[in-house]
Amino acid sequence: MQQKKNMFRNLAALVLGASLCLAAGACGTSDDTGSGTKNAEGKTTQGYDVSKVETVDEIAALVPDDVKQDGKLTVGMDTSYAPAEFLAEDGKTPVGYDVDLSKALAKVMGLEAENKVASFDLIIPSVGSKYDLGISSFTITPERMDAVDFVSFYKAGSMWVTKKGNPDGIDPKDVCGQTIAVQTATSQEEEVTEMNEQCKADGKKEIEVLTNKLQTDVTTNVTTGKASAFYADTPVAGYAVAQTGGQLEKLGEDVGVTKQGVVVKKGDKQMAEAVQKAMQKLMDDGTYQAILEEWGVQGGAIDKAEINPTDTK
């Protein structure tokens, strides 16, 4: 999304097979043995084992006392956004590369990650009160940095997805008059809204923008023909295409590649530094890359974690 975290939930209307599992919660699709969750490349994964990630005392010492007093790092995430964060086949356990990264971050800080399922649009307002951090595919934008601080850790573009064969003849360069599905409060929703304003200014037919709180519902809108296309983060789009049994296809190339970040309470310099150093440690020792490779999303890797980066591209 680019703004998102927790985009993988109940898609009750997807047609059959792999798409049915996505509909039932983006829970992941079983392989022939009936076990495991698939990554963005359609390969079965159990997630990355973070048990060997060690605590770094110097970094743990940076964590504010009110965060570490219960030994938990509480993370808000929208589990409808596979393969970043979604629900496993049990329908309740968060999995995905953001989930694995949150667990590894917590380990470096001497804590245990406690991932909390939340509505994407409610995470940022709750960081610093209900959640210690927000990790949910949040694109770093100047507007968001007015409200919270970020630690960069990934980059992703946006991708258009339509039904196989593009039956409605969607042209990503001109979607005026089309029905487009997006997740609520994402950067993609903002972009499509801006496109719609331009359509009206040019005297063209308006875009019918279908918004849903869950990315899984956004995907369903396209598989069922309610919308002609959806617009989402590239990893999410790729995952949806891989998991829907050939029902969907990507349109064109990804656009607008931008950094994503861990959300930290505005002005909490101590926590931001702890997160930045912990993330950089994971990048430097290879854990970060291994987690991304486990989920088939290594194409979005970056090598430097920064607090409120001035260059978000």
Protein backbone atom coordinates (compact mmCIF):
# COMPACT_ATOMS: atom_id res chain seq x y z
CA MET A 1 0.00 0.00 0.00
CA GLN A 2 1.72 1.88 -0.25
CA GLN A 3 0.20 2.83 3.06
CA LYS A 4 -0.93 0.03 4.74
CA LYS A 5 -0.18 -2.57 7.15
CA ASN A 6 -2.68 -5.30 7.92
CA MET A 7 -4.23 -5.88 4.52
CA PHE A 8 -5.05 -9.67 4.56
CA ARG A 9 -8.47 -10.66 5.80
CA ASN A 10 -11.77 -12.27 4.88
CA LEU A 11 -12.41 -12.49 1.12
CA ALA A 12 -15.54 -14.60 1.35
CA ALA A 13 -16.50 -14.11 -2.27
CA LEU A 14 -13.47 -15.36 -4.19
CA VAL A 15 -14.28 -18.06 -6.65
CA LEU A 16 -12.41 -21.35 -6.00
CA GLY A 17 -9.15 -22.93 -5.05
CA ALA A 18 -6.33 -20.60 -4.13
CA SER A 19 -8.59 -17.61 -4.50
CA LEU A 20 -11.00 -19.13 -2.00
CA CYS A 21 -8.26 -19.24 0.60
CA LEU A 22 -7.41 -15.62 -0.12
CA ALA A 23 -11.09 -14.85 0.25
CA ALA A 24 -11.21 -16.60 3.57
CA GLY A 25 -8.64 -14.33 5.07
CA ALA A 26 -5.64 -14.16 2.80
CA CYS A 27 -4.72 -17.01 5.05
CA GLY A 28 -2.20 -18.40 2.62
CA THR A 29 -2.61 -21.29 0.23
CA SER A 30 -1.58 -24.81 1.14
CA ASP A 31 0.69 -26.83 -1.07
CA ASP A 32 -0.11 -30.41 -2.02
CA THR A 33 0.83 -31.65 1.44
CA GLY A 34 -1.72 -29.37 3.04
CA SER A 35 0.76 -27.42 5.13
CA GLY A 36 2.49 -24.08 5.03
CA THR A 37 1.83 -20.58 3.73
CA LYS A 38 2.95 -19.36 0.33
CA ASN A 39 5.18 -16.40 -0.34
CA ALA A 40 4.92 -13.79 -3.10
CA GLU A 41 6.47 -16.22 -5.57
CA GLY A 42 3.92 -18.93 -4.75
CA LYS A 43 6.43 -21.04 -2.81
CA THR A 44 5.48 -22.60 0.49
CA THR A 45 7.00 -20.94 3.56
CA GLN A 46 6.66 -21.31 7.29
CA GLY A 47 8.15 -17.89 7.93
CA TYR A 48 11.65 -17.10 9.13
CA ASP A 49 12.87 -18.63 12.39
CA VAL A 50 14.06 -15.70 14.53
CA SER A 51 14.99 -17.84 17.54
CA LYS A 52 18.72 -17.36 16.90
CA VAL A 53 18.50 -13.57 16.74
CA GLU A 54 20.39 -12.29 19.77
CA THR A 55 19.71 -9.31 22.01
CA VAL A 56 22.16 -6.43 21.69
CA ASP A 57 22.50 -4.92 25.15
CA GLU A 58 23.47 -1.47 23.90
CA ILE A 59 20.34 -1.32 21.75
CA ALA A 60 18.10 -2.81 24.46
CA ALA A 61 19.29 -0.07 26.81
CA LEU A 62 17.86 2.55 24.44
CA VAL A 63 14.32 1.21 24.71
CA PRO A 64 12.19 3.48 26.92
CA ASP A 65 11.28 2.03 30.32
CA ASP A 66 7.55 2.26 29.65
CA VAL A 67 8.00 -0.01 26.63
CA LYS A 68 10.26 -2.64 28.13
CA GLN A 69 8.66 -2.91 31.57
CA ASP A 70 6.38 -5.78 30.48
CA GLY A 71 8.91 -7.37 28.13
CA LYS A 72 6.60 -6.87 25.15
CA LEU A 73 6.96 -4.84 21.97
CA THR A 74 3.36 -4.16 20.95
CA VAL A 75 3.00 -3.69 17.19
CA GLY A 76 -0.13 -2.58 15.36
CA MET A 77 -0.64 -4.11 11.93
CA ASP A 78 -3.43 -4.62 9.39
CA THR A 79 -3.38 -8.32 8.63
CA SER A 80 -5.07 -8.09 5.26
CA TYR A 81 -1.92 -7.24 3.30
CA ALA A 82 -0.21 -10.44 2.20
CA PRO A 83 2.63 -11.17 1.97
CA ALA A 84 3.65 -8.37 4.37
CA GLU A 85 1.19 -9.14 7.13
CA PHE A 86 -1.76 -11.50 6.99
CA LEU A 87 -3.40 -14.34 8.89
CA ALA A 88 -2.18 -17.92 8.76
CA GLU A 89 -4.40 -20.88 8.01
CA ASP A 90 -5.69 -20.90 11.58
CA GLY A 91 -7.34 -17.54 10.86
CA LYS A 92 -5.77 -15.82 13.86
CA THR A 93 -1.96 -15.98 13.74
CA PRO A 94 -0.24 -13.04 11.98
CA VAL A 95 2.40 -14.11 9.44
CA GLY A 96 4.39 -12.39 6.70
CA TYR A 97 7.67 -10.59 6.21
CA ASP A 98 6.67 -7.58 8.32
CA VAL A 99 5.64 -9.99 11.08
CA ASP A 100 9.01 -11.76 10.95
CA LEU A 101 10.83 -8.42 10.95
CA SER A 102 8.85 -7.25 13.98
CA LYS A 103 9.81 -10.42 15.84
CA ALA A 104 13.47 -10.00 14.92
CA LEU A 105 13.44 -6.32 15.93
CA ALA A 106 11.96 -7.23 19.29
CA LYS A 107 14.61 -9.88 19.85
CA VAL A 108 17.44 -7.40 19.23
CA MET A 109 15.80 -5.08 21.78
CA GLY A 110 15.49 -7.86 24.35
CA LEU A 111 11.71 -7.99 23.99
CA GLU A 112 9.01 -10.26 22.59
CA ALA A 113 6.87 -8.96 19.74
CA GLU A 114 3.15 -8.86 20.39
CA ASN A 115 1.49 -8.21 17.04
CA LYS A 116 -1.98 -6.70 17.30
CA VAL A 117 -4.50 -6.86 14.47
CA ALA A 118 -5.81 -3.38 13.68
CA SER A 119 -7.61 -1.41 11.00
CA PHE A 120 -4.97 0.23 8.81
CA ASP A 121 -6.39 3.73 9.12
CA LEU A 122 -6.39 3.52 12.94
CA ILE A 123 -2.79 2.42 13.49
CA ILE A 124 -0.93 5.73 13.13
CA PRO A 125 -3.26 7.59 15.55
CA SER A 126 -2.72 4.81 18.12
CA VAL A 127 1.09 4.56 18.06
CA GLY A 128 2.47 5.75 21.38
CA SER A 129 -0.72 4.89 23.24
CA LYS A 130 -2.22 1.57 22.19
CA TYR A 131 0.83 0.36 20.23
CA ASP A 132 4.56 0.83 20.74
CA LEU A 133 5.10 0.71 16.98
CA GLY A 134 3.19 0.44 13.74
CA ILE A 135 4.52 -1.96 11.11
CA SER A 136 2.06 -2.33 8.25
CA SER A 137 3.59 -1.40 4.88
CA PHE A 138 3.36 2.31 5.67
CA THR A 139 4.71 4.50 2.90
CA ILE A 140 6.79 7.36 4.26
CA THR A 141 5.20 10.65 3.24
CA PRO A 142 5.71 14.26 4.40
CA GLU A 143 2.10 14.36 5.57
CA ARG A 144 2.54 11.31 7.75
CA MET A 145 5.82 12.61 9.12
CA ASP A 146 3.88 15.59 10.46
CA ALA A 147 2.07 13.15 12.76
CA VAL A 148 4.62 10.41 13.50
CA ASP A 149 8.26 9.51 13.03
CA PHE A 150 9.49 6.76 10.72
CA VAL A 151 12.41 4.37 10.48
CA SER A 152 12.87 3.28 6.87
CA PHE A 153 13.29 -0.43 6.12
CA TYR A 154 11.83 -1.28 2.71
CA LYS A 155 10.78 0.20 -0.61
CA ALA A 156 7.84 -0.62 -2.83
CA GLY A 157 6.04 0.77 -5.83
CA SER A 158 2.41 0.55 -6.85
CA MET A 159 0.90 -1.87 -9.35
CA TRP A 160 -2.38 -2.12 -11.27
CA VAL A 161 -4.09 -5.52 -11.31
CA THR A 162 -7.06 -6.60 -13.42
CA LYS A 163 -8.82 -9.82 -14.33
CA LYS A 164 -6.91 -12.14 -16.63
CA GLY A 165 -6.97 -10.81 -20.17
CA ASN A 166 -7.94 -7.30 -19.05
CA PRO A 167 -11.56 -7.72 -20.25
CA ASP A 168 -12.47 -4.09 -19.54
CA GLY A 169 -9.49 -2.76 -21.48
CA ILE A 170 -7.96 -0.87 -18.56
CA ASP A 171 -5.21 1.58 -19.52
CA PRO A 172 -3.25 2.58 -16.38
CA LYS A 173 -2.46 5.91 -18.03
CA ASP A 174 -6.15 6.81 -18.25
CA VAL A 175 -8.67 5.18 -15.91
CA CYS A 176 -11.34 7.86 -16.25
CA GLY A 177 -14.79 6.28 -16.36
CA GLN A 178 -13.57 3.01 -14.84
CA THR A 179 -14.37 1.38 -11.51
CA ILE A 180 -11.19 1.11 -9.47
CA ALA A 181 -10.78 -0.64 -6.12
CA VAL A 182 -8.33 0.59 -3.46
CA GLN A 183 -7.74 0.12 0.25
CA THR A 184 -8.92 2.88 2.56
CA ALA A 185 -6.30 5.41 3.74
CA THR A 186 -3.54 4.13 1.46
CA SER A 187 -1.37 6.22 -0.82
CA GLN A 188 -3.07 4.42 -3.70
CA GLU A 189 -6.44 5.78 -2.58
CA GLU A 190 -4.94 9.27 -2.56
CA GLU A 191 -3.50 8.80 -6.04
CA VAL A 192 -6.73 7.49 -7.55
CA THR A 193 -8.65 10.33 -5.91
CA GLU A 194 -6.25 12.81 -7.52
CA MET A 195 -6.69 11.04 -10.87
CA ASN A 196 -10.43 11.39 -10.50
CA GLU A 197 -10.11 15.13 -9.88
CA GLN A 198 -8.09 15.40 -13.08
CA CYS A 199 -10.72 13.41 -14.98
CA LYS A 200 -13.36 15.91 -13.86
CA ALA A 201 -11.12 18.87 -14.72
CA ASP A 202 -10.62 17.43 -18.21
CA GLY A 203 -14.35 16.93 -18.75
CA LYS A 204 -14.04 13.14 -18.76
CA LYS A 205 -16.18 10.56 -17.03
CA GLU A 206 -15.42 10.24 -13.34
CA ILE A 207 -13.70 7.22 -11.79
CA GLU A 208 -15.90 5.15 -9.53
CA VAL A 209 -13.60 4.60 -6.57
CA LEU A 210 -14.45 1.53 -4.47
CA THR A 211 -12.71 1.69 -1.10
CA ASN A 212 -12.48 -1.07 1.49
CA LYS A 213 -10.69 -1.26 4.81
CA LEU A 214 -9.26 -4.68 3.90
CA GLN A 215 -7.05 -5.34 0.89
CA THR A 216 -8.58 -8.80 0.64
CA ASP A 217 -11.94 -7.18 -0.04
CA VAL A 218 -10.30 -4.92 -2.61
CA THR A 219 -8.97 -7.99 -4.42
CA THR A 220 -12.37 -9.66 -4.26
CA ASN A 221 -13.95 -6.66 -5.99
CA VAL A 222 -11.82 -7.40 -9.04
CA THR A 223 -12.08 -11.21 -9.07
CA THR A 224 -15.86 -10.95 -8.89
CA GLY A 225 -16.08 -8.23 -11.54
CA LYS A 226 -17.37 -5.52 -9.22
CA ALA A 227 -14.32 -3.40 -10.13
CA SER A 228 -12.27 -3.36 -13.32
CA ALA A 229 -8.92 -3.13 -11.54
CA PHE A 230 -7.28 -2.54 -8.19
CA TYR A 231 -4.23 -0.47 -7.33
CA ALA A 232 -1.92 -1.58 -4.50
CA ASP A 233 1.68 -2.02 -3.36
CA THR A 234 3.70 -4.12 -5.78
CA PRO A 235 4.40 -7.02 -3.33
CA VAL A 236 0.71 -7.21 -2.48
CA ALA A 237 -0.32 -7.12 -6.12
CA GLY A 238 2.16 -9.87 -6.96
CA TYR A 239 0.90 -12.00 -4.11
CA ALA A 240 -2.73 -11.59 -5.17
CA VAL A 241 -1.90 -12.62 -8.73
CA ALA A 242 0.03 -15.67 -7.50
CA GLN A 243 -2.71 -16.77 -5.11
CA THR A 244 -5.82 -16.43 -7.27
CA GLY A 245 -5.24 -19.34 -9.61
CA GLY A 246 -4.74 -17.38 -12.81
CA GLN A 247 -7.78 -15.14 -12.33
CA LEU A 248 -5.74 -11.94 -12.14
CA GLU A 249 -2.84 -10.33 -13.98
CA LYS A 250 -0.60 -7.31 -13.52
CA LEU A 251 -0.86 -4.31 -15.82
CA GLY A 252 2.37 -2.65 -16.89
CA GLU A 253 5.28 -1.98 -14.56
CA ASP A 254 5.31 -0.85 -10.96
CA VAL A 255 5.42 2.90 -10.48
CA GLY A 256 6.24 5.39 -7.74
CA VAL A 257 8.77 3.30 -5.80
CA THR A 258 8.95 4.83 -2.30
CA LYS A 259 10.38 3.84 1.05
CA GLN A 260 8.24 2.31 3.76
CA GLY A 261 8.90 2.61 7.44
CA VAL A 262 8.26 1.53 11.00
CA VAL A 263 5.95 4.04 12.69
CA VAL A 264 7.21 5.56 15.96
CA LYS A 265 5.49 8.09 18.23
CA LYS A 266 6.31 11.63 17.12
CA GLY A 267 9.25 13.06 19.05
CA ASP A 268 10.16 9.80 20.83
CA LYS A 269 13.83 10.05 19.90
CA GLN A 270 14.88 7.26 22.23
CA MET A 271 12.51 4.73 20.71
CA ALA A 272 13.27 5.86 17.18
CA GLU A 273 16.99 5.39 17.77
CA ALA A 274 16.42 1.93 19.26
CA VAL A 275 14.36 0.88 16.23
CA GLN A 276 16.86 2.37 13.76
CA LYS A 277 19.85 0.64 15.36
CA ALA A 278 18.00 -2.66 15.69
CA MET A 279 16.88 -2.58 12.05
CA GLN A 280 20.37 -1.67 10.88
CA LYS A 281 21.76 -4.57 12.92
CA LEU A 282 19.40 -6.96 11.13
CA MET A 283 20.40 -5.49 7.76
CA ASP A 284 24.11 -5.79 8.53
CA ASP A 285 24.06 -9.37 9.87
CA GLY A 286 21.97 -10.80 7.02
CA THR A 287 18.80 -11.53 8.99
CA TYR A 288 16.83 -8.84 7.17
CA GLN A 289 17.78 -10.18 3.74
CA ALA A 290 17.01 -13.75 4.79
CA ILE A 291 13.52 -12.76 5.95
CA LEU A 292 12.75 -10.98 2.68
CA GLU A 293 14.05 -13.93 0.66
CA GLU A 294 11.89 -16.29 2.72
CA TRP A 295 8.86 -14.39 1.46
CA GLY A 296 10.10 -13.74 -2.08
CA VAL A 297 10.15 -9.94 -1.69
CA GLN A 298 13.88 -9.24 -1.64
CA GLY A 299 13.47 -6.86 -4.59
CA GLY A 300 12.39 -4.17 -2.13
CA ALA A 301 15.43 -4.45 0.13
CA ILE A 302 17.35 -1.36 1.19
CA ASP A 303 20.69 -1.28 3.01
CA LYS A 304 20.28 1.67 5.34
CA ALA A 305 17.68 2.25 8.06
CA GLU A 306 17.11 5.96 8.64
CA ILE A 307 14.98 8.04 10.96
CA ASN A 308 12.69 10.31 8.90
CA PRO A 309 14.73 10.00 5.69
CA THR A 310 14.82 13.13 3.55
CA ASP A 311 15.09 10.98 0.42
CA THR A 312 12.13 8.62 0.36
CA LYS A 313 12.74 7.29 -3.15
